[in-house]
């Protein structure tokens, strides 16, 4: 019944339900887990997103397409889709991972999402997996704006400063809040030559740095 509820939310009826069960099984729970399916699903996802971007945006060059794809297939995007499906409620985790909040951890959710794409591919072929990915990514694909830079904020900020012949920004950890399984990081971005100090928060230091860089770009353009 548990897996049937998730299958209904996913919108794919598995010919082999064992594939879905395996895709939702973390290595802490069983030696028959989702790691191999994750490997397969990662490739299916990258191919599908690359094809979707190539078809939608005919004037974007290879570098921009690659940056957009990287945005869409990264951990944060996958974890967001997993959250929308309440995937964490259906994961099979070992006792330690369950107690530490593994069902909320972005890395575990993202890996399971990729494993599901791999499971659908094995269950019903590439077209079924592609259709599922395009449906789940519909809003994210629609939000891609070819008139905006496909660069992440840290890269964009670095290029702005280099163009002005200024030193690169300095990032530093301000503080970490929350329990180990649900931490929030606060990072500062310093640009002394422009008297800019911005902060950003996120569920990883990388995300916090990107958010701080985004704030710094806004400050430069004010």
N, C-alpha and C. Protein backbone atom coordinates (compact mmCIF):
# COMPACT_ATOMS: atom_id res chain seq x y z
N UNK A 1 0.83 -1.20 0.00
CA UNK A 1 0.00 0.00 0.00
C UNK A 1 0.87 1.25 0.00
N UNK A 2 1.98 1.23 0.81
CA UNK A 2 2.87 2.38 0.91
C UNK A 2 3.44 2.73 -0.45
N UNK A 3 3.98 1.74 -1.16
CA UNK A 3 4.58 2.00 -2.46
C UNK A 3 3.52 2.33 -3.50
N UNK A 4 2.34 1.81 -3.35
CA UNK A 4 1.26 2.11 -4.29
C UNK A 4 0.88 3.58 -4.24
N UNK A 5 0.90 4.17 -3.03
CA UNK A 5 0.58 5.60 -2.90
C UNK A 5 1.63 6.44 -3.63
N UNK A 6 2.88 6.04 -3.48
CA UNK A 6 3.92 6.80 -4.16
C UNK A 6 3.83 6.60 -5.67
N UNK A 7 3.54 5.37 -6.09
CA UNK A 7 3.40 5.11 -7.52
C UNK A 7 2.31 5.99 -8.12
N UNK A 8 1.22 6.16 -7.39
CA UNK A 8 0.13 7.01 -7.87
C UNK A 8 0.57 8.46 -7.98
N UNK A 9 1.35 8.92 -6.99
CA UNK A 9 1.86 10.30 -7.04
C UNK A 9 2.82 10.48 -8.20
N UNK A 10 3.59 9.44 -8.48
CA UNK A 10 4.56 9.50 -9.57
C UNK A 10 3.89 9.48 -10.93
N UNK A 11 2.81 8.72 -11.04
CA UNK A 11 2.09 8.65 -12.30
C UNK A 11 2.62 7.62 -13.27
N UNK A 12 3.37 6.63 -12.77
CA UNK A 12 3.84 5.54 -13.63
C UNK A 12 3.49 4.21 -12.99
N UNK A 13 2.78 3.37 -13.70
CA UNK A 13 2.43 2.05 -13.19
C UNK A 13 3.53 1.06 -13.58
N UNK A 14 4.23 0.56 -12.59
CA UNK A 14 5.36 -0.33 -12.84
C UNK A 14 4.89 -1.73 -13.23
N UNK A 15 5.47 -2.24 -14.31
CA UNK A 15 5.26 -3.64 -14.66
C UNK A 15 5.97 -4.54 -13.66
N UNK A 16 7.09 -4.04 -13.14
CA UNK A 16 7.86 -4.77 -12.13
C UNK A 16 7.96 -3.90 -10.88
N UNK A 17 7.04 -4.04 -9.94
CA UNK A 17 7.02 -3.21 -8.74
C UNK A 17 8.31 -3.30 -7.91
N UNK A 18 9.06 -4.40 -8.09
CA UNK A 18 10.30 -4.55 -7.33
C UNK A 18 11.31 -3.45 -7.69
N UNK A 19 11.22 -2.94 -8.91
CA UNK A 19 12.13 -1.86 -9.32
C UNK A 19 11.86 -0.59 -8.53
N UNK A 20 10.59 -0.28 -8.31
CA UNK A 20 10.26 0.90 -7.50
C UNK A 20 10.72 0.70 -6.07
N UNK A 21 10.50 -0.47 -5.54
CA UNK A 21 10.92 -0.76 -4.16
C UNK A 21 12.43 -0.58 -4.02
N UNK A 22 13.18 -1.06 -5.01
CA UNK A 22 14.63 -0.93 -4.96
C UNK A 22 15.06 0.54 -5.08
N UNK A 23 14.36 1.28 -5.93
CA UNK A 23 14.71 2.69 -6.13
C UNK A 23 14.51 3.51 -4.85
N UNK A 24 13.63 3.06 -3.99
CA UNK A 24 13.35 3.77 -2.75
C UNK A 24 14.10 3.19 -1.56
N UNK A 25 15.04 2.30 -1.82
CA UNK A 25 15.79 1.64 -0.76
C UNK A 25 17.21 2.19 -0.68
N UNK A 26 17.54 2.78 0.47
CA UNK A 26 18.88 3.33 0.70
C UNK A 26 19.85 2.22 1.11
N UNK A 27 21.11 2.45 0.87
CA UNK A 27 22.11 1.42 1.18
C UNK A 27 22.17 1.09 2.67
N UNK A 28 21.72 2.02 3.53
CA UNK A 28 21.72 1.76 4.97
C UNK A 28 20.66 0.74 5.36
N UNK A 29 19.71 0.47 4.47
CA UNK A 29 18.61 -0.45 4.75
C UNK A 29 18.88 -1.86 4.26
N UNK A 30 19.53 -1.95 3.08
CA UNK A 30 19.71 -3.27 2.47
C UNK A 30 20.87 -3.24 1.47
N UNK A 31 21.47 -4.39 1.26
CA UNK A 31 22.51 -4.49 0.23
C UNK A 31 21.89 -4.43 -1.16
N UNK A 32 20.60 -4.72 -1.26
CA UNK A 32 19.87 -4.52 -2.52
C UNK A 32 19.26 -3.12 -2.44
N UNK A 33 20.01 -2.16 -2.96
CA UNK A 33 19.61 -0.76 -2.77
C UNK A 33 19.60 -0.01 -4.11
N UNK A 34 19.48 1.30 -4.03
CA UNK A 34 19.24 2.10 -5.24
C UNK A 34 20.48 2.68 -5.90
N UNK A 35 21.68 2.30 -5.45
CA UNK A 35 22.88 2.95 -5.97
C UNK A 35 23.09 2.68 -7.46
N UNK A 36 22.90 1.47 -7.90
CA UNK A 36 23.07 1.17 -9.33
C UNK A 36 21.99 1.84 -10.18
N UNK A 37 20.77 1.85 -9.67
CA UNK A 37 19.70 2.53 -10.38
C UNK A 37 19.97 4.03 -10.47
N UNK A 38 20.56 4.58 -9.43
CA UNK A 38 20.92 6.01 -9.42
C UNK A 38 21.92 6.30 -10.54
N UNK A 39 22.91 5.44 -10.69
CA UNK A 39 23.91 5.59 -11.76
C UNK A 39 23.23 5.63 -13.13
N UNK A 40 22.30 4.73 -13.34
CA UNK A 40 21.59 4.66 -14.61
C UNK A 40 20.68 5.88 -14.79
N UNK A 41 19.94 6.21 -13.76
CA UNK A 41 19.02 7.34 -13.84
C UNK A 41 19.70 8.66 -14.09
N UNK A 42 20.90 8.83 -13.56
CA UNK A 42 21.66 10.06 -13.80
C UNK A 42 21.90 10.27 -15.28
N UNK A 43 22.26 9.21 -15.99
CA UNK A 43 22.49 9.31 -17.43
C UNK A 43 21.21 9.59 -18.20
N UNK A 44 20.13 8.93 -17.82
CA UNK A 44 18.83 9.15 -18.48
C UNK A 44 18.39 10.60 -18.26
N UNK A 45 18.56 11.10 -17.05
CA UNK A 45 18.18 12.47 -16.74
C UNK A 45 18.98 13.47 -17.56
N UNK A 46 20.30 13.31 -17.59
CA UNK A 46 21.14 14.24 -18.32
C UNK A 46 20.80 14.26 -19.81
N UNK A 47 20.56 13.09 -20.38
CA UNK A 47 20.21 13.01 -21.79
C UNK A 47 18.87 13.69 -22.07
N UNK A 48 17.89 13.44 -21.19
CA UNK A 48 16.56 14.02 -21.38
C UNK A 48 16.59 15.53 -21.27
N UNK A 49 17.25 16.05 -20.25
CA UNK A 49 17.31 17.51 -20.06
C UNK A 49 18.10 18.16 -21.19
N UNK A 50 19.18 17.53 -21.60
CA UNK A 50 19.96 18.07 -22.72
C UNK A 50 19.11 18.14 -23.98
N UNK A 51 18.35 17.10 -24.26
CA UNK A 51 17.49 17.06 -25.44
C UNK A 51 16.39 18.11 -25.36
N UNK A 52 15.79 18.27 -24.17
CA UNK A 52 14.72 19.25 -23.99
C UNK A 52 15.24 20.67 -24.20
N UNK A 53 16.41 20.97 -23.65
CA UNK A 53 16.99 22.30 -23.82
C UNK A 53 17.37 22.55 -25.28
N UNK A 54 17.95 21.54 -25.92
CA UNK A 54 18.37 21.66 -27.32
C UNK A 54 17.17 21.97 -28.22
N UNK A 55 16.04 21.31 -27.94
CA UNK A 55 14.84 21.50 -28.77
C UNK A 55 14.17 22.84 -28.50
N UNK A 56 14.17 23.28 -27.24
CA UNK A 56 13.46 24.50 -26.87
C UNK A 56 14.23 25.76 -27.28
N UNK A 57 15.54 25.73 -27.15
CA UNK A 57 16.33 26.94 -27.33
C UNK A 57 17.34 26.75 -28.46
N UNK A 58 16.92 27.09 -29.66
CA UNK A 58 17.70 26.78 -30.86
C UNK A 58 18.86 27.75 -31.11
N UNK A 59 18.90 28.87 -30.39
CA UNK A 59 19.96 29.86 -30.64
C UNK A 59 21.00 29.90 -29.53
N UNK A 60 20.82 29.10 -28.48
CA UNK A 60 21.77 29.09 -27.36
C UNK A 60 22.97 28.22 -27.71
N UNK A 61 24.17 28.72 -27.41
CA UNK A 61 25.37 27.95 -27.74
C UNK A 61 25.61 26.81 -26.74
N UNK A 62 26.61 26.01 -27.05
CA UNK A 62 26.89 24.80 -26.26
C UNK A 62 27.21 25.12 -24.80
N UNK A 63 27.98 26.19 -24.58
CA UNK A 63 28.34 26.54 -23.21
C UNK A 63 27.14 26.92 -22.37
N UNK A 64 26.24 27.70 -22.95
CA UNK A 64 25.03 28.10 -22.23
C UNK A 64 24.12 26.90 -21.97
N UNK A 65 23.99 26.04 -22.98
CA UNK A 65 23.17 24.83 -22.79
C UNK A 65 23.71 23.98 -21.64
N UNK A 66 25.03 23.86 -21.58
CA UNK A 66 25.65 23.06 -20.53
C UNK A 66 25.38 23.66 -19.15
N UNK A 67 25.43 24.99 -19.05
CA UNK A 67 25.17 25.64 -17.77
C UNK A 67 23.71 25.46 -17.34
N UNK A 68 22.79 25.60 -18.29
CA UNK A 68 21.38 25.39 -17.95
C UNK A 68 21.14 23.95 -17.51
N UNK A 69 21.75 23.01 -18.22
CA UNK A 69 21.57 21.60 -17.84
C UNK A 69 22.10 21.36 -16.43
N UNK A 70 23.28 21.92 -16.13
CA UNK A 70 23.87 21.74 -14.80
C UNK A 70 22.94 22.26 -13.71
N UNK A 71 22.30 23.38 -13.98
CA UNK A 71 21.34 23.94 -13.02
C UNK A 71 20.19 22.96 -12.76
N UNK A 72 19.68 22.37 -13.83
CA UNK A 72 18.47 21.57 -13.74
C UNK A 72 18.71 20.19 -13.16
N UNK A 73 19.91 19.64 -13.31
CA UNK A 73 20.15 18.28 -12.83
C UNK A 73 20.89 18.25 -11.50
N UNK A 74 21.19 19.43 -10.93
CA UNK A 74 21.94 19.45 -9.67
C UNK A 74 21.07 18.96 -8.52
N UNK A 75 21.73 18.71 -7.40
CA UNK A 75 21.06 18.13 -6.23
C UNK A 75 19.86 18.94 -5.78
N UNK A 76 20.00 20.27 -5.76
CA UNK A 76 18.92 21.10 -5.24
C UNK A 76 17.64 20.95 -6.06
N UNK A 77 17.78 20.88 -7.38
CA UNK A 77 16.61 20.74 -8.25
C UNK A 77 15.95 19.38 -8.06
N UNK A 78 16.76 18.34 -7.98
CA UNK A 78 16.22 16.99 -7.78
C UNK A 78 15.52 16.87 -6.42
N UNK A 79 16.13 17.45 -5.39
CA UNK A 79 15.54 17.38 -4.05
C UNK A 79 14.21 18.14 -4.02
N UNK A 80 14.12 19.22 -4.78
CA UNK A 80 12.88 19.99 -4.83
C UNK A 80 11.75 19.16 -5.45
N UNK A 81 12.08 18.44 -6.53
CA UNK A 81 11.08 17.56 -7.15
C UNK A 81 10.69 16.44 -6.20
N UNK A 82 11.69 15.86 -5.52
CA UNK A 82 11.41 14.80 -4.55
C UNK A 82 10.49 15.29 -3.46
N UNK A 83 10.72 16.51 -2.97
CA UNK A 83 9.85 17.08 -1.93
C UNK A 83 8.41 17.23 -2.42
N UNK A 84 8.27 17.63 -3.69
CA UNK A 84 6.92 17.82 -4.23
C UNK A 84 6.15 16.50 -4.29
N UNK A 85 6.87 15.40 -4.36
CA UNK A 85 6.25 14.07 -4.39
C UNK A 85 6.18 13.44 -3.01
N UNK A 86 6.70 14.16 -1.98
CA UNK A 86 6.79 13.62 -0.62
C UNK A 86 7.57 12.30 -0.61
N UNK A 87 8.61 12.27 -1.42
CA UNK A 87 9.38 11.04 -1.58
C UNK A 87 9.96 10.54 -0.26
N UNK A 88 10.37 11.47 0.59
CA UNK A 88 10.96 11.07 1.86
C UNK A 88 10.08 10.19 2.71
N UNK A 89 8.77 10.32 2.55
CA UNK A 89 7.84 9.50 3.33
C UNK A 89 7.88 8.03 2.93
N UNK A 90 8.43 7.74 1.76
CA UNK A 90 8.40 6.38 1.23
C UNK A 90 9.77 5.70 1.19
N UNK A 91 10.81 6.42 1.61
CA UNK A 91 12.15 5.85 1.58
C UNK A 91 12.30 4.73 2.61
N UNK A 92 13.06 3.71 2.23
CA UNK A 92 13.45 2.66 3.17
C UNK A 92 14.87 2.96 3.62
N UNK A 93 15.00 3.37 4.88
CA UNK A 93 16.28 3.77 5.44
C UNK A 93 16.64 2.90 6.63
N UNK A 94 17.94 2.75 6.86
CA UNK A 94 18.38 2.06 8.06
C UNK A 94 18.03 2.87 9.30
N UNK A 95 18.09 2.24 10.44
CA UNK A 95 17.66 2.90 11.68
C UNK A 95 18.47 4.17 11.95
N UNK A 96 19.77 4.12 11.71
CA UNK A 96 20.62 5.28 11.96
C UNK A 96 20.25 6.45 11.08
N UNK A 97 20.05 6.19 9.79
CA UNK A 97 19.68 7.25 8.85
C UNK A 97 18.30 7.80 9.17
N UNK A 98 17.41 6.93 9.58
CA UNK A 98 16.06 7.38 9.92
C UNK A 98 16.10 8.32 11.12
N UNK A 99 16.86 7.95 12.15
CA UNK A 99 16.93 8.78 13.35
C UNK A 99 17.61 10.11 13.10
N UNK A 100 18.56 10.13 12.16
CA UNK A 100 19.30 11.37 11.89
C UNK A 100 18.60 12.25 10.85
N UNK A 101 17.40 11.84 10.43
CA UNK A 101 16.63 12.66 9.50
C UNK A 101 17.01 12.48 8.04
N UNK A 102 17.50 11.31 7.69
CA UNK A 102 17.91 11.05 6.31
C UNK A 102 16.80 11.22 5.30
N UNK A 103 15.56 11.04 5.74
CA UNK A 103 14.42 11.19 4.81
C UNK A 103 14.20 12.64 4.40
N UNK A 104 14.92 13.57 5.07
CA UNK A 104 14.85 14.98 4.68
C UNK A 104 16.15 15.47 4.02
N UNK A 105 17.17 14.63 3.99
CA UNK A 105 18.48 15.08 3.51
C UNK A 105 18.45 15.23 1.99
N UNK A 106 18.80 16.42 1.46
CA UNK A 106 18.75 16.65 0.01
C UNK A 106 19.54 15.64 -0.80
N UNK A 107 20.71 15.23 -0.32
CA UNK A 107 21.53 14.29 -1.10
C UNK A 107 20.84 12.94 -1.25
N UNK A 108 20.20 12.46 -0.19
CA UNK A 108 19.49 11.18 -0.23
C UNK A 108 18.26 11.29 -1.12
N UNK A 109 17.53 12.39 -1.00
CA UNK A 109 16.34 12.59 -1.84
C UNK A 109 16.72 12.68 -3.31
N UNK A 110 17.78 13.41 -3.62
CA UNK A 110 18.21 13.57 -5.02
C UNK A 110 18.65 12.23 -5.60
N UNK A 111 19.41 11.47 -4.82
CA UNK A 111 19.87 10.16 -5.30
C UNK A 111 18.69 9.23 -5.57
N UNK A 112 17.71 9.26 -4.68
CA UNK A 112 16.53 8.40 -4.87
C UNK A 112 15.74 8.82 -6.10
N UNK A 113 15.68 10.12 -6.35
CA UNK A 113 14.95 10.60 -7.53
C UNK A 113 15.61 10.10 -8.80
N UNK A 114 16.93 10.15 -8.85
CA UNK A 114 17.65 9.62 -10.01
C UNK A 114 17.43 8.12 -10.14
N UNK A 115 17.42 7.42 -9.01
CA UNK A 115 17.18 5.97 -9.03
C UNK A 115 15.80 5.65 -9.61
N UNK A 116 14.82 6.48 -9.29
CA UNK A 116 13.47 6.28 -9.83
C UNK A 116 13.48 6.44 -11.35
N UNK A 117 14.21 7.42 -11.86
CA UNK A 117 14.30 7.58 -13.31
C UNK A 117 14.94 6.33 -13.94
N UNK A 118 15.95 5.80 -13.28
CA UNK A 118 16.58 4.58 -13.77
C UNK A 118 15.63 3.40 -13.73
N UNK A 119 14.82 3.32 -12.68
CA UNK A 119 13.86 2.22 -12.53
C UNK A 119 12.79 2.29 -13.62
N UNK A 120 12.30 3.48 -13.91
CA UNK A 120 11.28 3.63 -14.96
C UNK A 120 11.87 3.26 -16.31
N UNK A 121 13.13 3.65 -16.54
CA UNK A 121 13.79 3.29 -17.80
C UNK A 121 13.86 1.77 -17.96
N UNK A 122 14.25 1.06 -16.91
CA UNK A 122 14.33 -0.40 -17.00
C UNK A 122 12.95 -1.03 -17.12
N UNK A 123 11.98 -0.42 -16.48
CA UNK A 123 10.63 -0.99 -16.44
C UNK A 123 9.88 -0.81 -17.76
N UNK A 124 10.06 0.36 -18.40
CA UNK A 124 9.21 0.65 -19.57
C UNK A 124 9.94 1.31 -20.72
N UNK A 125 11.25 1.49 -20.62
CA UNK A 125 12.00 2.03 -21.73
C UNK A 125 12.29 3.53 -21.61
N UNK A 126 13.10 4.01 -22.55
CA UNK A 126 13.57 5.40 -22.49
C UNK A 126 12.43 6.40 -22.65
N UNK A 127 11.50 6.14 -23.55
CA UNK A 127 10.41 7.10 -23.78
C UNK A 127 9.59 7.33 -22.52
N UNK A 128 9.32 6.27 -21.77
CA UNK A 128 8.55 6.41 -20.53
C UNK A 128 9.33 7.24 -19.51
N UNK A 129 10.62 6.98 -19.40
CA UNK A 129 11.44 7.74 -18.46
C UNK A 129 11.54 9.20 -18.90
N UNK A 130 11.70 9.43 -20.18
CA UNK A 130 11.78 10.80 -20.70
C UNK A 130 10.48 11.55 -20.44
N UNK A 131 9.35 10.91 -20.69
CA UNK A 131 8.06 11.57 -20.46
C UNK A 131 7.86 11.93 -18.99
N UNK A 132 8.28 11.03 -18.11
CA UNK A 132 8.17 11.30 -16.67
C UNK A 132 9.05 12.49 -16.29
N UNK A 133 10.29 12.49 -16.74
CA UNK A 133 11.22 13.58 -16.40
C UNK A 133 10.71 14.91 -16.93
N UNK A 134 10.25 14.92 -18.18
CA UNK A 134 9.77 16.18 -18.76
C UNK A 134 8.52 16.69 -18.03
N UNK A 135 7.69 15.77 -17.55
CA UNK A 135 6.50 16.19 -16.80
C UNK A 135 6.90 16.77 -15.45
N UNK A 136 7.80 16.11 -14.75
CA UNK A 136 8.22 16.59 -13.44
C UNK A 136 9.03 17.88 -13.53
N UNK A 137 9.73 18.05 -14.63
CA UNK A 137 10.57 19.23 -14.82
C UNK A 137 9.85 20.33 -15.60
N UNK A 138 8.58 20.15 -15.88
CA UNK A 138 7.87 21.09 -16.74
C UNK A 138 7.99 22.54 -16.29
N UNK A 139 7.75 22.80 -15.00
CA UNK A 139 7.79 24.18 -14.52
C UNK A 139 9.21 24.74 -14.53
N UNK A 140 10.19 23.90 -14.22
CA UNK A 140 11.58 24.36 -14.23
C UNK A 140 12.04 24.67 -15.65
N UNK A 141 11.64 23.83 -16.60
CA UNK A 141 12.02 24.08 -17.99
C UNK A 141 11.34 25.34 -18.51
N UNK A 142 10.10 25.56 -18.11
CA UNK A 142 9.38 26.75 -18.54
C UNK A 142 10.00 28.02 -17.95
N UNK A 143 10.66 27.88 -16.80
CA UNK A 143 11.25 29.04 -16.12
C UNK A 143 12.60 29.44 -16.71
N UNK A 144 13.17 28.59 -17.55
CA UNK A 144 14.47 28.92 -18.16
C UNK A 144 14.27 30.11 -19.09
N UNK A 145 15.04 31.16 -18.86
CA UNK A 145 14.94 32.39 -19.66
C UNK A 145 16.22 32.57 -20.47
N UNK A 146 16.16 32.38 -21.79
CA UNK A 146 17.37 32.49 -22.61
C UNK A 146 17.96 33.90 -22.63
N UNK A 147 17.19 34.88 -22.15
CA UNK A 147 17.70 36.25 -22.10
C UNK A 147 18.51 36.52 -20.84
N UNK A 148 18.48 35.57 -19.92
CA UNK A 148 19.28 35.68 -18.72
C UNK A 148 20.52 34.82 -18.85
N UNK A 149 21.54 35.21 -18.12
CA UNK A 149 22.77 34.43 -18.15
C UNK A 149 22.53 33.06 -17.52
N UNK A 150 23.08 32.03 -18.12
CA UNK A 150 22.97 30.70 -17.55
C UNK A 150 24.02 30.43 -16.48
N UNK A 151 24.86 31.43 -16.18
CA UNK A 151 25.92 31.25 -15.21
C UNK A 151 25.36 31.27 -13.80
N UNK A 152 25.97 30.49 -12.91
CA UNK A 152 25.58 30.54 -11.51
C UNK A 152 26.09 31.85 -10.92
N UNK A 153 25.50 32.32 -9.80
CA UNK A 153 25.85 33.63 -9.24
C UNK A 153 27.34 33.80 -8.92
N UNK A 154 28.00 32.77 -8.39
CA UNK A 154 29.42 32.92 -8.06
C UNK A 154 30.27 33.16 -9.30
N UNK A 155 29.96 32.43 -10.38
CA UNK A 155 30.69 32.62 -11.63
C UNK A 155 30.40 34.00 -12.21
N UNK A 156 29.12 34.40 -12.19
CA UNK A 156 28.74 35.71 -12.73
C UNK A 156 29.42 36.83 -11.96
N UNK A 157 29.46 36.72 -10.63
CA UNK A 157 30.09 37.75 -9.80
C UNK A 157 31.59 37.82 -10.09
N UNK A 158 32.22 36.67 -10.22
CA UNK A 158 33.65 36.64 -10.52
C UNK A 158 33.94 37.36 -11.84
N UNK A 159 33.12 37.12 -12.86
CA UNK A 159 33.34 37.74 -14.16
C UNK A 159 33.11 39.25 -14.11
N UNK A 160 32.11 39.69 -13.32
CA UNK A 160 31.88 41.13 -13.16
C UNK A 160 33.10 41.80 -12.55
N UNK A 161 33.66 41.19 -11.51
CA UNK A 161 34.82 41.78 -10.83
C UNK A 161 36.06 41.74 -11.71
N UNK A 162 36.25 40.66 -12.44
CA UNK A 162 37.40 40.55 -13.34
C UNK A 162 37.34 41.62 -14.43
N UNK A 163 36.11 41.88 -14.93
CA UNK A 163 35.94 42.90 -15.97
C UNK A 163 36.30 44.28 -15.45
N UNK A 164 36.15 44.48 -14.13
CA UNK A 164 36.49 45.77 -13.52
C UNK A 164 37.90 45.78 -12.95
N UNK A 165 38.63 44.70 -13.17
CA UNK A 165 39.99 44.53 -12.67
C UNK A 165 40.05 44.64 -11.14
N UNK A 166 39.07 44.03 -10.51
CA UNK A 166 39.01 44.00 -9.05
C UNK A 166 39.35 42.60 -8.55
N UNK A 167 39.77 42.53 -7.29
CA UNK A 167 40.09 41.24 -6.69
C UNK A 167 38.84 40.39 -6.56
N UNK A 168 39.02 39.08 -6.56
CA UNK A 168 37.89 38.16 -6.43
C UNK A 168 37.27 38.27 -5.04
N UNK A 169 35.99 37.97 -4.92
CA UNK A 169 35.32 38.07 -3.61
C UNK A 169 35.86 37.03 -2.63
N UNK A 170 35.71 37.33 -1.36
CA UNK A 170 36.11 36.39 -0.32
C UNK A 170 34.85 35.88 0.38
N UNK A 171 34.78 34.57 0.57
CA UNK A 171 33.63 33.96 1.22
C UNK A 171 34.06 33.41 2.58
N UNK A 172 33.23 33.59 3.57
CA UNK A 172 33.53 33.08 4.90
C UNK A 172 32.28 32.59 5.59
N UNK A 173 32.43 31.53 6.36
CA UNK A 173 31.30 30.99 7.12
C UNK A 173 31.04 31.86 8.34
N UNK A 174 29.82 32.36 8.45
CA UNK A 174 29.44 33.21 9.59
C UNK A 174 28.98 32.33 10.74
N UNK A 175 28.04 31.44 10.47
CA UNK A 175 27.58 30.53 11.50
C UNK A 175 26.81 29.37 10.89
N UNK A 176 26.67 28.32 11.68
CA UNK A 176 25.88 27.15 11.30
C UNK A 176 24.80 26.95 12.35
N UNK A 177 23.56 26.80 11.91
CA UNK A 177 22.45 26.65 12.84
C UNK A 177 21.75 25.31 12.61
N UNK A 178 21.10 24.81 13.64
CA UNK A 178 20.28 23.61 13.51
C UNK A 178 21.01 22.33 13.86
N UNK A 179 20.24 21.25 13.89
CA UNK A 179 20.79 19.93 14.17
C UNK A 179 21.58 19.42 12.97
N UNK A 180 22.39 18.40 13.21
CA UNK A 180 23.28 17.89 12.16
C UNK A 180 22.52 17.45 10.92
N UNK A 181 21.32 16.93 11.09
CA UNK A 181 20.56 16.40 9.95
C UNK A 181 19.78 17.49 9.22
N UNK A 182 19.71 18.70 9.79
CA UNK A 182 18.93 19.76 9.15
C UNK A 182 19.62 21.11 9.40
N UNK A 183 20.89 21.19 9.02
CA UNK A 183 21.66 22.39 9.28
C UNK A 183 21.36 23.50 8.27
N UNK A 184 21.53 24.73 8.73
CA UNK A 184 21.46 25.90 7.86
C UNK A 184 22.77 26.66 8.00
N UNK A 185 23.37 26.97 6.86
CA UNK A 185 24.65 27.66 6.84
C UNK A 185 24.44 29.13 6.46
N UNK A 186 25.16 30.01 7.15
CA UNK A 186 25.16 31.43 6.80
C UNK A 186 26.57 31.81 6.39
N UNK A 187 26.70 32.35 5.19
CA UNK A 187 28.01 32.69 4.61
C UNK A 187 28.02 34.15 4.22
N UNK A 188 29.16 34.82 4.39
CA UNK A 188 29.30 36.20 3.94
C UNK A 188 30.17 36.27 2.70
N UNK A 189 29.85 37.22 1.84
CA UNK A 189 30.62 37.50 0.63
C UNK A 189 31.18 38.91 0.77
N UNK A 190 32.50 39.05 0.75
CA UNK A 190 33.16 40.33 0.97
C UNK A 190 33.85 40.82 -0.30
N UNK A 191 33.57 42.08 -0.65
CA UNK A 191 34.26 42.75 -1.76
C UNK A 191 34.74 44.09 -1.20
N UNK A 192 35.91 44.11 -0.54
CA UNK A 192 36.37 45.33 0.15
C UNK A 192 36.49 46.54 -0.76
N UNK A 193 36.94 46.35 -2.01
CA UNK A 193 37.13 47.49 -2.92
C UNK A 193 35.84 48.24 -3.20
N UNK A 194 34.71 47.54 -3.09
CA UNK A 194 33.41 48.17 -3.33
C UNK A 194 32.62 48.37 -2.04
N UNK A 195 33.27 48.10 -0.90
CA UNK A 195 32.62 48.21 0.41
C UNK A 195 31.33 47.40 0.47
N UNK A 196 31.39 46.20 -0.09
CA UNK A 196 30.21 45.32 -0.12
C UNK A 196 30.43 44.14 0.82
N UNK A 197 29.46 43.92 1.67
CA UNK A 197 29.42 42.72 2.51
C UNK A 197 28.00 42.19 2.49
N UNK A 198 27.82 41.03 1.89
CA UNK A 198 26.49 40.43 1.77
C UNK A 198 26.50 39.04 2.40
N UNK A 199 25.36 38.62 2.88
CA UNK A 199 25.25 37.28 3.46
C UNK A 199 24.20 36.47 2.72
N UNK A 200 24.36 35.17 2.78
CA UNK A 200 23.41 34.25 2.17
C UNK A 200 23.27 33.01 3.04
N UNK A 201 22.11 32.39 3.02
CA UNK A 201 21.85 31.19 3.81
C UNK A 201 21.44 30.04 2.89
N UNK A 202 21.65 28.82 3.36
CA UNK A 202 21.26 27.65 2.58
C UNK A 202 21.49 26.38 3.36
N UNK A 203 20.98 25.27 2.83
CA UNK A 203 21.13 23.99 3.54
C UNK A 203 22.47 23.33 3.29
N UNK A 204 23.35 24.01 2.55
CA UNK A 204 24.73 23.58 2.40
C UNK A 204 25.57 24.85 2.24
N UNK A 205 26.86 24.72 2.49
CA UNK A 205 27.73 25.90 2.35
C UNK A 205 27.75 26.39 0.91
N UNK A 206 27.71 25.46 -0.02
CA UNK A 206 27.72 25.84 -1.44
C UNK A 206 26.49 26.69 -1.80
N UNK A 207 25.32 26.25 -1.36
CA UNK A 207 24.10 27.00 -1.65
C UNK A 207 24.14 28.38 -0.99
N UNK A 208 24.64 28.43 0.26
CA UNK A 208 24.74 29.71 0.96
C UNK A 208 25.67 30.67 0.23
N UNK A 209 26.79 30.15 -0.29
CA UNK A 209 27.72 31.00 -1.04
C UNK A 209 27.08 31.54 -2.31
N UNK A 210 26.32 30.70 -3.00
CA UNK A 210 25.64 31.16 -4.22
C UNK A 210 24.63 32.26 -3.89
N UNK A 211 23.91 32.10 -2.79
CA UNK A 211 22.93 33.12 -2.41
C UNK A 211 23.60 34.42 -1.99
N UNK A 212 24.75 34.32 -1.32
CA UNK A 212 25.49 35.53 -0.94
C UNK A 212 26.02 36.24 -2.19
N UNK A 213 26.49 35.46 -3.17
CA UNK A 213 26.99 36.04 -4.42
C UNK A 213 25.86 36.74 -5.17
N UNK A 214 24.67 36.16 -5.15
CA UNK A 214 23.51 36.78 -5.81
C UNK A 214 23.19 38.14 -5.18
N UNK A 215 23.27 38.20 -3.84
CA UNK A 215 23.03 39.45 -3.13
C UNK A 215 24.11 40.49 -3.50
N UNK A 216 25.34 40.02 -3.64
CA UNK A 216 26.44 40.94 -3.99
C UNK A 216 26.25 41.51 -5.40
N UNK A 217 25.79 40.69 -6.33
CA UNK A 217 25.53 41.18 -7.68
C UNK A 217 24.45 42.26 -7.66
N UNK A 218 23.40 42.02 -6.88
CA UNK A 218 22.33 43.01 -6.74
C UNK A 218 22.88 44.31 -6.16
N UNK A 219 23.78 44.20 -5.18
CA UNK A 219 24.35 45.39 -4.56
C UNK A 219 25.21 46.18 -5.55
N UNK A 220 25.94 45.48 -6.41
CA UNK A 220 26.77 46.15 -7.40
C UNK A 220 25.91 46.92 -8.39
N UNK A 221 24.77 46.36 -8.74
CA UNK A 221 23.92 46.97 -9.77
C UNK A 221 22.95 48.03 -9.23
N UNK A 222 22.97 48.24 -7.92
CA UNK A 222 22.07 49.26 -7.35
C UNK A 222 22.54 50.66 -7.70
